[in-house]
Structure formats: structure tokens, C-alpha cells
All heavy atoms as atom14 arrays in JSON, in Angstrom:
{
  "sequence": "IVCGDMNVAHNEIDLKNPATNHESAGFSDEEREKFGMLLEAGFTD",
  "atom14_mask": [
    [1, 1, 1, 1, 1, 1, 1, 1, 0, 0, 0, 0, 0, 0],
    [1, 1, 1, 1, 1, 1, 1, 0, 0, 0, 0, 0, 0, 0],
    [1, 1, 1, 1, 1, 1, 0, 0, 0, 0, 0, 0, 0, 0],
    [1, 1, 1, 1, 0, 0, 0, 0, 0, 0, 0, 0, 0, 0],
    [1, 1, 1, 1, 1, 1, 1, 1, 0, 0, 0, 0, 0, 0],
    [1, 1, 1, 1, 1, 1, 1, 1, 0, 0, 0, 0, 0, 0],
    [1, 1, 1, 1, 1, 1, 1, 1, 0, 0, 0, 0, 0, 0],
    [1, 1, 1, 1, 1, 1, 1, 0, 0, 0, 0, 0, 0, 0],
    [1, 1, 1, 1, 1, 0, 0, 0, 0, 0, 0, 0, 0, 0],
    [1, 1, 1, 1, 1, 1, 1, 1, 1, 1, 0, 0, 0, 0],
    [1, 1, 1, 1, 1, 1, 1, 1, 0, 0, 0, 0, 0, 0],
    [1, 1, 1, 1, 1, 1, 1, 1, 1, 0, 0, 0, 0, 0],
    [1, 1, 1, 1, 1, 1, 1, 1, 0, 0, 0, 0, 0, 0],
    [1, 1, 1, 1, 1, 1, 1, 1, 0, 0, 0, 0, 0, 0],
    [1, 1, 1, 1, 1, 1, 1, 1, 0, 0, 0, 0, 0, 0],
    [1, 1, 1, 1, 1, 1, 1, 1, 1, 0, 0, 0, 0, 0],
    [1, 1, 1, 1, 1, 1, 1, 1, 0, 0, 0, 0, 0, 0],
    [1, 1, 1, 1, 1, 1, 1, 0, 0, 0, 0, 0, 0, 0],
    [1, 1, 1, 1, 1, 0, 0, 0, 0, 0, 0, 0, 0, 0],
    [1, 1, 1, 1, 1, 1, 1, 0, 0, 0, 0, 0, 0, 0],
    [1, 1, 1, 1, 1, 1, 1, 1, 0, 0, 0, 0, 0, 0],
    [1, 1, 1, 1, 1, 1, 1, 1, 1, 1, 0, 0, 0, 0],
    [1, 1, 1, 1, 1, 1, 1, 1, 1, 0, 0, 0, 0, 0],
    [1, 1, 1, 1, 1, 1, 0, 0, 0, 0, 0, 0, 0, 0],
    [1, 1, 1, 1, 1, 0, 0, 0, 0, 0, 0, 0, 0, 0],
    [1, 1, 1, 1, 0, 0, 0, 0, 0, 0, 0, 0, 0, 0],
    [1, 1, 1, 1, 1, 1, 1, 1, 1, 1, 1, 0, 0, 0],
    [1, 1, 1, 1, 1, 1, 0, 0, 0, 0, 0, 0, 0, 0],
    [1, 1, 1, 1, 1, 1, 1, 1, 0, 0, 0, 0, 0, 0],
    [1, 1, 1, 1, 1, 1, 1, 1, 1, 0, 0, 0, 0, 0],
    [1, 1, 1, 1, 1, 1, 1, 1, 1, 0, 0, 0, 0, 0],
    [1, 1, 1, 1, 1, 1, 1, 1, 1, 1, 1, 0, 0, 0],
    [1, 1, 1, 1, 1, 1, 1, 1, 1, 0, 0, 0, 0, 0],
    [1, 1, 1, 1, 1, 1, 1, 1, 1, 0, 0, 0, 0, 0],
    [1, 1, 1, 1, 1, 1, 1, 1, 1, 1, 1, 0, 0, 0],
    [1, 1, 1, 1, 0, 0, 0, 0, 0, 0, 0, 0, 0, 0],
    [1, 1, 1, 1, 1, 1, 1, 1, 0, 0, 0, 0, 0, 0],
    [1, 1, 1, 1, 1, 1, 1, 1, 0, 0, 0, 0, 0, 0],
    [1, 1, 1, 1, 1, 1, 1, 1, 0, 0, 0, 0, 0, 0],
    [1, 1, 1, 1, 1, 1, 1, 1, 1, 0, 0, 0, 0, 0],
    [1, 1, 1, 1, 1, 0, 0, 0, 0, 0, 0, 0, 0, 0],
    [1, 1, 1, 1, 0, 0, 0, 0, 0, 0, 0, 0, 0, 0],
    [1, 1, 1, 1, 1, 1, 1, 1, 1, 1, 1, 0, 0, 0],
    [1, 1, 1, 1, 1, 1, 1, 0, 0, 0, 0, 0, 0, 0],
    [1, 1, 1, 1, 1, 1, 1, 1, 0, 0, 0, 0, 0, 0]
  ],
  "atom14_positions": [
    [[-12.2, -10.7, -8.94], [-11.64, -9.48, -9.4], [-12.05, -8.4, -8.57], [-13.23, -8.23, -8.31], [-12.06, -9.23, -10.89], [-11.68, -10.24, -11.84], [-11.44, -7.81, -11.4], [-12.39, -10.27, -13.1], [0.0, 0.0, 0.0], [0.0, 0.0, 0.0], [0.0, 0.0, 0.0], [0.0, 0.0, 0.0], [0.0, 0.0, 0.0], [0.0, 0.0, 0.0]],
    [[-11.14, -7.71, -7.86], [-11.46, -6.68, -6.86], [-10.74, -5.4, -7.24], [-9.53, -5.38, -7.58], [-11.1, -7.07, -5.42], [-9.59, -7.55, -5.3], [-11.39, -6.08, -4.44], [0.0, 0.0, 0.0], [0.0, 0.0, 0.0], [0.0, 0.0, 0.0], [0.0, 0.0, 0.0], [0.0, 0.0, 0.0], [0.0, 0.0, 0.0], [0.0, 0.0, 0.0]],
    [[-11.56, -4.29, -7.32], [-10.96, -2.97, -7.73], [-11.47, -1.84, -6.83], [-12.44, -2.06, -6.02], [-11.45, -2.75, -9.07], [-13.23, -2.27, -9.26], [0.0, 0.0, 0.0], [0.0, 0.0, 0.0], [0.0, 0.0, 0.0], [0.0, 0.0, 0.0], [0.0, 0.0, 0.0], [0.0, 0.0, 0.0], [0.0, 0.0, 0.0], [0.0, 0.0, 0.0]],
    [[-10.73, -0.9, -6.83], [-11.28, 0.36, -6.19], [-10.08, 1.25, -5.59], [-8.91, 0.9, -5.81], [0.0, 0.0, 0.0], [0.0, 0.0, 0.0], [0.0, 0.0, 0.0], [0.0, 0.0, 0.0], [0.0, 0.0, 0.0], [0.0, 0.0, 0.0], [0.0, 0.0, 0.0], [0.0, 0.0, 0.0], [0.0, 0.0, 0.0], [0.0, 0.0, 0.0]],
    [[-10.49, 2.14, -4.8], [-9.61, 3.05, -4.09], [-9.27, 2.38, -2.81], [-10.09, 2.29, -1.86], [-10.18, 4.47, -3.83], [-9.42, 5.27, -2.98], [-8.3, 5.02, -2.63], [-9.86, 6.35, -2.69], [0.0, 0.0, 0.0], [0.0, 0.0, 0.0], [0.0, 0.0, 0.0], [0.0, 0.0, 0.0], [0.0, 0.0, 0.0], [0.0, 0.0, 0.0]],
    [[-8.08, 1.83, -2.78], [-7.65, 0.93, -1.57], [-6.77, 1.91, -0.62], [-6.47, 1.31, 0.42], [-6.91, -0.23, -2.05], [-7.73, -1.09, -2.85], [-6.97, -2.74, -3.09], [-8.37, -3.57, -3.86], [0.0, 0.0, 0.0], [0.0, 0.0, 0.0], [0.0, 0.0, 0.0], [0.0, 0.0, 0.0], [0.0, 0.0, 0.0], [0.0, 0.0, 0.0]],
    [[-6.82, 3.14, -0.84], [-6.17, 4.04, 0.02], [-4.76, 3.67, 0.66], [-4.53, 3.84, 1.86], [-7.16, 4.42, 1.2], [-7.86, 5.67, 0.88], [-7.3, 6.74, 0.56], [-9.17, 5.65, 1.15], [0.0, 0.0, 0.0], [0.0, 0.0, 0.0], [0.0, 0.0, 0.0], [0.0, 0.0, 0.0], [0.0, 0.0, 0.0], [0.0, 0.0, 0.0]],
    [[-3.98, 3.06, -0.29], [-2.63, 2.75, 0.18], [-1.67, 2.69, -1.04], [-2.03, 2.19, -2.07], [-2.56, 1.39, 0.99], [-3.04, 0.23, 0.09], [-1.15, 1.13, 1.5], [0.0, 0.0, 0.0], [0.0, 0.0, 0.0], [0.0, 0.0, 0.0], [0.0, 0.0, 0.0], [0.0, 0.0, 0.0], [0.0, 0.0, 0.0], [0.0, 0.0, 0.0]],
    [[-0.6, 3.3, -0.96], [0.53, 3.08, -1.97], [1.47, 2.0, -1.36], [2.07, 2.16, -0.38], [1.24, 4.46, -2.07], [0.0, 0.0, 0.0], [0.0, 0.0, 0.0], [0.0, 0.0, 0.0], [0.0, 0.0, 0.0], [0.0, 0.0, 0.0], [0.0, 0.0, 0.0], [0.0, 0.0, 0.0], [0.0, 0.0, 0.0], [0.0, 0.0, 0.0]],
    [[1.42, 0.96, -2.1], [2.14, -0.33, -1.57], [3.67, -0.13, -1.23], [4.14, -0.48, -0.27], [1.74, -1.47, -2.44], [2.26, -2.79, -1.88], [2.72, -3.88, -2.64], [2.41, -3.16, -0.58], [2.99, -4.87, -1.96], [2.9, -4.52, -0.62], [0.0, 0.0, 0.0], [0.0, 0.0, 0.0], [0.0, 0.0, 0.0], [0.0, 0.0, 0.0]],
    [[4.3, 0.36, -2.42], [5.79, 0.45, -2.32], [6.22, 1.8, -2.59], [5.35, 2.67, -3.1], [6.36, -0.56, -3.25], [6.06, -1.93, -2.77], [6.4, -2.34, -1.67], [5.63, -2.76, -3.79], [0.0, 0.0, 0.0], [0.0, 0.0, 0.0], [0.0, 0.0, 0.0], [0.0, 0.0, 0.0], [0.0, 0.0, 0.0], [0.0, 0.0, 0.0]],
    [[7.38, 2.17, -2.38], [7.98, 3.49, -2.63], [7.81, 3.98, -4.09], [7.63, 5.23, -4.31], [9.44, 3.53, -2.09], [9.55, 3.44, -0.69], [11.01, 3.88, -0.2], [11.85, 4.12, -1.13], [11.14, 3.89, 1.09], [0.0, 0.0, 0.0], [0.0, 0.0, 0.0], [0.0, 0.0, 0.0], [0.0, 0.0, 0.0], [0.0, 0.0, 0.0]],
    [[7.91, 3.06, -4.98], [7.6, 3.4, -6.36], [6.25, 3.93, -6.67], [5.99, 4.57, -7.6], [7.92, 2.18, -7.3], [8.09, 2.52, -8.74], [6.9, 1.09, -7.17], [8.49, 1.42, -9.69], [0.0, 0.0, 0.0], [0.0, 0.0, 0.0], [0.0, 0.0, 0.0], [0.0, 0.0, 0.0], [0.0, 0.0, 0.0], [0.0, 0.0, 0.0]],
    [[5.31, 3.73, -5.64], [3.91, 4.08, -5.85], [3.47, 5.41, -5.47], [2.28, 5.81, -5.4], [2.99, 2.92, -5.23], [3.18, 1.64, -5.9], [3.16, 1.55, -7.15], [3.26, 0.65, -5.18], [0.0, 0.0, 0.0], [0.0, 0.0, 0.0], [0.0, 0.0, 0.0], [0.0, 0.0, 0.0], [0.0, 0.0, 0.0], [0.0, 0.0, 0.0]],
    [[4.48, 6.3, -5.01], [4.2, 7.69, -4.68], [5.33, 8.56, -5.05], [6.56, 8.07, -4.91], [3.7, 7.83, -3.23], [4.66, 7.63, -2.16], [4.0, 8.19, -0.91], [5.02, 6.16, -1.94], [0.0, 0.0, 0.0], [0.0, 0.0, 0.0], [0.0, 0.0, 0.0], [0.0, 0.0, 0.0], [0.0, 0.0, 0.0], [0.0, 0.0, 0.0]],
    [[5.12, 9.78, -5.14], [6.22, 10.66, -5.58], [7.27, 10.87, -4.52], [8.43, 10.99, -4.76], [5.64, 12.04, -6.01], [6.62, 12.97, -6.67], [7.17, 12.44, -8.05], [8.02, 13.36, -8.71], [8.44, 12.98, -10.03], [0.0, 0.0, 0.0], [0.0, 0.0, 0.0], [0.0, 0.0, 0.0], [0.0, 0.0, 0.0], [0.0, 0.0, 0.0]],
    [[6.75, 11.15, -3.28], [7.69, 11.5, -2.16], [7.6, 10.44, -1.0], [7.13, 10.93, 0.08], [7.35, 12.85, -1.69], [7.5, 13.97, -2.7], [8.6, 14.04, -3.42], [6.47, 14.68, -3.06], [0.0, 0.0, 0.0], [0.0, 0.0, 0.0], [0.0, 0.0, 0.0], [0.0, 0.0, 0.0], [0.0, 0.0, 0.0], [0.0, 0.0, 0.0]],
    [[8.1, 9.19, -1.12], [8.02, 8.29, -0.06], [8.73, 8.69, 1.2], [8.27, 8.47, 2.31], [8.62, 7.06, -0.73], [9.41, 7.58, -1.76], [8.79, 8.72, -2.33], [0.0, 0.0, 0.0], [0.0, 0.0, 0.0], [0.0, 0.0, 0.0], [0.0, 0.0, 0.0], [0.0, 0.0, 0.0], [0.0, 0.0, 0.0], [0.0, 0.0, 0.0]],
    [[9.81, 9.3, 1.1], [10.65, 9.56, 2.23], [9.98, 10.41, 3.27], [10.2, 10.25, 4.5], [11.94, 10.32, 1.84], [0.0, 0.0, 0.0], [0.0, 0.0, 0.0], [0.0, 0.0, 0.0], [0.0, 0.0, 0.0], [0.0, 0.0, 0.0], [0.0, 0.0, 0.0], [0.0, 0.0, 0.0], [0.0, 0.0, 0.0], [0.0, 0.0, 0.0]],
    [[9.09, 11.33, 2.88], [8.41, 12.17, 3.85], [7.01, 11.76, 4.29], [6.26, 12.45, 4.92], [8.32, 13.64, 3.16], [7.59, 13.55, 1.96], [9.71, 14.25, 3.03], [0.0, 0.0, 0.0], [0.0, 0.0, 0.0], [0.0, 0.0, 0.0], [0.0, 0.0, 0.0], [0.0, 0.0, 0.0], [0.0, 0.0, 0.0], [0.0, 0.0, 0.0]],
    [[6.75, 10.51, 3.79], [5.3, 10.13, 4.06], [5.12, 8.78, 4.8], [4.03, 8.26, 4.87], [4.58, 9.92, 2.67], [4.05, 11.28, 2.16], [3.22, 11.92, 2.74], [4.72, 11.71, 1.11], [0.0, 0.0, 0.0], [0.0, 0.0, 0.0], [0.0, 0.0, 0.0], [0.0, 0.0, 0.0], [0.0, 0.0, 0.0], [0.0, 0.0, 0.0]],
    [[6.2, 8.3, 5.41], [6.04, 7.03, 6.04], [5.16, 7.03, 7.31], [4.72, 5.97, 7.83], [7.52, 6.64, 6.6], [8.35, 5.98, 5.43], [8.11, 4.64, 5.14], [9.22, 6.42, 4.67], [8.92, 4.4, 4.1], [9.58, 5.5, 3.88], [0.0, 0.0, 0.0], [0.0, 0.0, 0.0], [0.0, 0.0, 0.0], [0.0, 0.0, 0.0]],
    [[4.72, 8.25, 7.82], [3.78, 8.34, 8.91], [2.49, 8.93, 8.42], [1.61, 9.37, 9.27], [4.35, 9.11, 10.08], [5.53, 8.37, 10.76], [6.07, 9.02, 11.89], [5.48, 9.99, 12.35], [7.15, 8.57, 12.47], [0.0, 0.0, 0.0], [0.0, 0.0, 0.0], [0.0, 0.0, 0.0], [0.0, 0.0, 0.0], [0.0, 0.0, 0.0]],
    [[2.22, 8.96, 7.11], [1.13, 9.61, 6.59], [0.03, 8.46, 6.25], [0.42, 7.39, 6.01], [1.49, 10.31, 5.31], [2.34, 11.37, 5.55], [0.0, 0.0, 0.0], [0.0, 0.0, 0.0], [0.0, 0.0, 0.0], [0.0, 0.0, 0.0], [0.0, 0.0, 0.0], [0.0, 0.0, 0.0], [0.0, 0.0, 0.0], [0.0, 0.0, 0.0]],
    [[-1.24, 8.9, 6.4], [-2.28, 7.89, 5.83], [-2.07, 7.55, 4.42], [-1.76, 8.35, 3.67], [-3.63, 8.73, 6.1], [0.0, 0.0, 0.0], [0.0, 0.0, 0.0], [0.0, 0.0, 0.0], [0.0, 0.0, 0.0], [0.0, 0.0, 0.0], [0.0, 0.0, 0.0], [0.0, 0.0, 0.0], [0.0, 0.0, 0.0], [0.0, 0.0, 0.0]],
    [[-2.12, 6.26, 4.2], [-1.97, 5.71, 2.89], [-0.52, 5.25, 2.63], [-0.4, 4.56, 1.59], [0.0, 0.0, 0.0], [0.0, 0.0, 0.0], [0.0, 0.0, 0.0], [0.0, 0.0, 0.0], [0.0, 0.0, 0.0], [0.0, 0.0, 0.0], [0.0, 0.0, 0.0], [0.0, 0.0, 0.0], [0.0, 0.0, 0.0], [0.0, 0.0, 0.0]],
    [[0.4, 5.5, 3.49], [1.75, 4.92, 3.38], [2.29, 4.52, 4.66], [3.65, 4.44, 4.8], [2.66, 5.92, 2.6], [3.88, 5.39, 1.99], [3.87, 4.43, 1.1], [5.18, 5.79, 2.46], [4.99, 3.8, 0.55], [6.26, 5.25, 1.96], [6.23, 4.27, 1.03], [0.0, 0.0, 0.0], [0.0, 0.0, 0.0], [0.0, 0.0, 0.0]],
    [[1.47, 4.31, 5.7], [2.08, 3.85, 6.97], [2.53, 2.41, 6.8], [2.02, 1.74, 5.98], [0.94, 4.06, 8.02], [-0.02, 3.05, 7.8], [0.0, 0.0, 0.0], [0.0, 0.0, 0.0], [0.0, 0.0, 0.0], [0.0, 0.0, 0.0], [0.0, 0.0, 0.0], [0.0, 0.0, 0.0], [0.0, 0.0, 0.0], [0.0, 0.0, 0.0]],
    [[3.42, 2.15, 7.68], [3.9, 0.77, 7.66], [2.76, -0.31, 7.91], [2.65, -1.33, 7.25], [4.94, 0.38, 8.76], [6.24, 1.2, 8.49], [6.39, 1.62, 7.28], [7.05, 1.33, 9.42], [0.0, 0.0, 0.0], [0.0, 0.0, 0.0], [0.0, 0.0, 0.0], [0.0, 0.0, 0.0], [0.0, 0.0, 0.0], [0.0, 0.0, 0.0]],
    [[1.76, 0.04, 8.69], [0.66, -0.8, 9.06], [-0.18, -1.08, 7.83], [-0.62, -2.15, 7.51], [-0.19, -0.23, 10.22], [0.55, -0.25, 11.56], [1.31, 1.14, 11.73], [1.62, 1.93, 10.67], [1.69, 1.51, 12.89], [0.0, 0.0, 0.0], [0.0, 0.0, 0.0], [0.0, 0.0, 0.0], [0.0, 0.0, 0.0], [0.0, 0.0, 0.0]],
    [[-0.55, 0.03, 7.14], [-1.43, -0.09, 6.0], [-0.77, -0.88, 4.8], [-1.36, -1.75, 4.2], [-1.8, 1.36, 5.41], [-2.64, 2.04, 6.33], [-2.77, 3.52, 6.03], [-1.66, 4.19, 5.99], [-3.87, 4.01, 5.96], [0.0, 0.0, 0.0], [0.0, 0.0, 0.0], [0.0, 0.0, 0.0], [0.0, 0.0, 0.0], [0.0, 0.0, 0.0]],
    [[0.54, -0.59, 4.66], [1.26, -1.33, 3.66], [1.41, -2.86, 3.95], [1.42, -3.65, 3.03], [2.73, -0.68, 3.42], [2.57, 0.74, 2.95], [3.9, 1.46, 3.04], [4.96, 0.83, 2.12], [6.26, 0.96, 2.4], [6.68, 1.71, 3.33], [7.05, 0.4, 1.47], [0.0, 0.0, 0.0], [0.0, 0.0, 0.0], [0.0, 0.0, 0.0]],
    [[1.67, -3.16, 5.18], [1.62, -4.5, 5.7], [0.39, -5.24, 5.41], [0.39, -6.32, 4.84], [2.02, -4.61, 7.02], [2.1, -5.99, 7.66], [2.46, -6.18, 9.03], [2.39, -5.07, 9.82], [2.74, -7.26, 9.54], [0.0, 0.0, 0.0], [0.0, 0.0, 0.0], [0.0, 0.0, 0.0], [0.0, 0.0, 0.0], [0.0, 0.0, 0.0]],
    [[-0.8, -4.58, 5.71], [-2.02, -5.29, 5.4], [-2.24, -5.49, 3.88], [-2.83, -6.56, 3.47], [-3.16, -4.39, 5.98], [-3.28, -4.28, 7.53], [-3.64, -5.65, 8.15], [-3.74, -5.46, 9.64], [-4.01, -6.75, 10.35], [0.0, 0.0, 0.0], [0.0, 0.0, 0.0], [0.0, 0.0, 0.0], [0.0, 0.0, 0.0], [0.0, 0.0, 0.0]],
    [[-1.89, -4.57, 3.12], [-1.97, -4.78, 1.64], [-1.14, -5.9, 1.17], [-1.56, -6.71, 0.34], [-1.62, -3.5, 0.89], [-1.89, -3.56, -0.61], [-3.25, -3.27, -0.95], [-0.91, -3.73, -1.57], [-3.51, -3.41, -2.35], [-1.24, -3.86, -2.97], [-2.47, -3.65, -3.27], [0.0, 0.0, 0.0], [0.0, 0.0, 0.0], [0.0, 0.0, 0.0]],
    [[0.16, -6.0, 1.73], [0.95, -7.14, 1.43], [0.45, -8.49, 1.85], [0.39, -9.48, 1.09], [0.0, 0.0, 0.0], [0.0, 0.0, 0.0], [0.0, 0.0, 0.0], [0.0, 0.0, 0.0], [0.0, 0.0, 0.0], [0.0, 0.0, 0.0], [0.0, 0.0, 0.0], [0.0, 0.0, 0.0], [0.0, 0.0, 0.0], [0.0, 0.0, 0.0]],
    [[-0.23, -8.48, 2.96], [-0.95, -9.65, 3.37], [-2.04, -10.11, 2.46], [-2.22, -11.27, 2.22], [-1.45, -9.54, 4.84], [-0.42, -9.4, 5.89], [-1.15, -8.86, 7.41], [-2.16, -10.29, 7.89], [0.0, 0.0, 0.0], [0.0, 0.0, 0.0], [0.0, 0.0, 0.0], [0.0, 0.0, 0.0], [0.0, 0.0, 0.0], [0.0, 0.0, 0.0]],
    [[-2.76, -9.1, 1.92], [-3.78, -9.52, 0.94], [-3.17, -10.13, -0.36], [-3.71, -11.13, -0.83], [-4.64, -8.19, 0.61], [-5.65, -8.4, -0.5], [-6.76, -9.46, 0.01], [-6.44, -7.04, -0.71], [0.0, 0.0, 0.0], [0.0, 0.0, 0.0], [0.0, 0.0, 0.0], [0.0, 0.0, 0.0], [0.0, 0.0, 0.0], [0.0, 0.0, 0.0]],
    [[-2.16, -9.56, -0.86], [-1.49, -10.08, -2.0], [-0.98, -11.46, -1.66], [-1.1, -12.41, -2.52], [-0.35, -9.17, -2.4], [-0.7, -7.81, -2.95], [0.51, -7.11, -3.44], [-1.69, -7.88, -4.18], [0.0, 0.0, 0.0], [0.0, 0.0, 0.0], [0.0, 0.0, 0.0], [0.0, 0.0, 0.0], [0.0, 0.0, 0.0], [0.0, 0.0, 0.0]],
    [[-0.38, -11.69, -0.51], [0.27, -12.95, -0.14], [-0.84, -14.06, 0.01], [-0.62, -15.15, -0.12], [0.98, -12.85, 1.15], [2.3, -12.0, 0.96], [2.92, -11.76, 2.24], [2.36, -12.2, 3.43], [3.96, -11.0, 2.28], [0.0, 0.0, 0.0], [0.0, 0.0, 0.0], [0.0, 0.0, 0.0], [0.0, 0.0, 0.0], [0.0, 0.0, 0.0]],
    [[-2.06, -13.6, 0.26], [-3.28, -14.52, 0.42], [-3.77, -15.07, -0.86], [-4.61, -15.91, -0.91], [-4.42, -13.8, 1.2], [0.0, 0.0, 0.0], [0.0, 0.0, 0.0], [0.0, 0.0, 0.0], [0.0, 0.0, 0.0], [0.0, 0.0, 0.0], [0.0, 0.0, 0.0], [0.0, 0.0, 0.0], [0.0, 0.0, 0.0], [0.0, 0.0, 0.0]],
    [[-3.12, -14.55, -2.01], [-3.52, -15.14, -3.36], [-3.97, -14.21, -4.34], [-4.8, -14.62, -5.26], [0.0, 0.0, 0.0], [0.0, 0.0, 0.0], [0.0, 0.0, 0.0], [0.0, 0.0, 0.0], [0.0, 0.0, 0.0], [0.0, 0.0, 0.0], [0.0, 0.0, 0.0], [0.0, 0.0, 0.0], [0.0, 0.0, 0.0], [0.0, 0.0, 0.0]],
    [[-3.56, -12.89, -4.23], [-3.99, -11.93, -5.27], [-2.79, -11.18, -5.9], [-1.69, -11.16, -5.38], [-4.88, -10.79, -4.63], [-6.31, -11.39, -4.17], [-6.38, -11.82, -2.95], [-7.32, -11.32, -5.03], [-7.62, -12.51, -2.5], [-8.57, -11.82, -4.67], [-8.77, -12.38, -3.37], [0.0, 0.0, 0.0], [0.0, 0.0, 0.0], [0.0, 0.0, 0.0]],
    [[-3.11, -10.71, -7.16], [-2.07, -10.21, -7.96], [-2.46, -8.78, -8.3], [-3.57, -8.46, -8.71], [-1.95, -10.95, -9.29], [-1.45, -12.31, -8.99], [-0.9, -10.28, -10.27], [0.0, 0.0, 0.0], [0.0, 0.0, 0.0], [0.0, 0.0, 0.0], [0.0, 0.0, 0.0], [0.0, 0.0, 0.0], [0.0, 0.0, 0.0], [0.0, 0.0, 0.0]],
    [[-1.57, -7.83, -8.1], [-1.75, -6.38, -8.5], [-1.47, -6.37, -10.1], [-0.41, -6.45, -10.49], [-0.65, -5.5, -7.74], [-0.71, -4.01, -8.16], [-1.35, -3.74, -9.16], [0.03, -3.29, -7.43], [0.0, 0.0, 0.0], [0.0, 0.0, 0.0], [0.0, 0.0, 0.0], [0.0, 0.0, 0.0], [0.0, 0.0, 0.0], [0.0, 0.0, 0.0]]
  ]
}
């Protein structure tokens, strides 16, 4: 069980204004990809 501030909004549903934040810390493609990789490695949000 892992918890905490992971400093990433995974999908567009997870923040109010996704369109203007694709290059912002916490919603960059790179950060979202790493979070996706963690889930694909065997974890459930």
C-alpha cells in the first residue's frame, strides 16, 4: 500500500484546467507517463 503526494495529476479528469497545463509541473507528459508505468507495473489507483 503506497500513499502520498505524488505530484502528478494522471489524467485530464484529475485537474480543473488540463488544456493550459500540459507543460506545467505535475501534468507534463513525462510525469504522467511515469505514473502510468507505475500502475502498469501492478498497482491500482
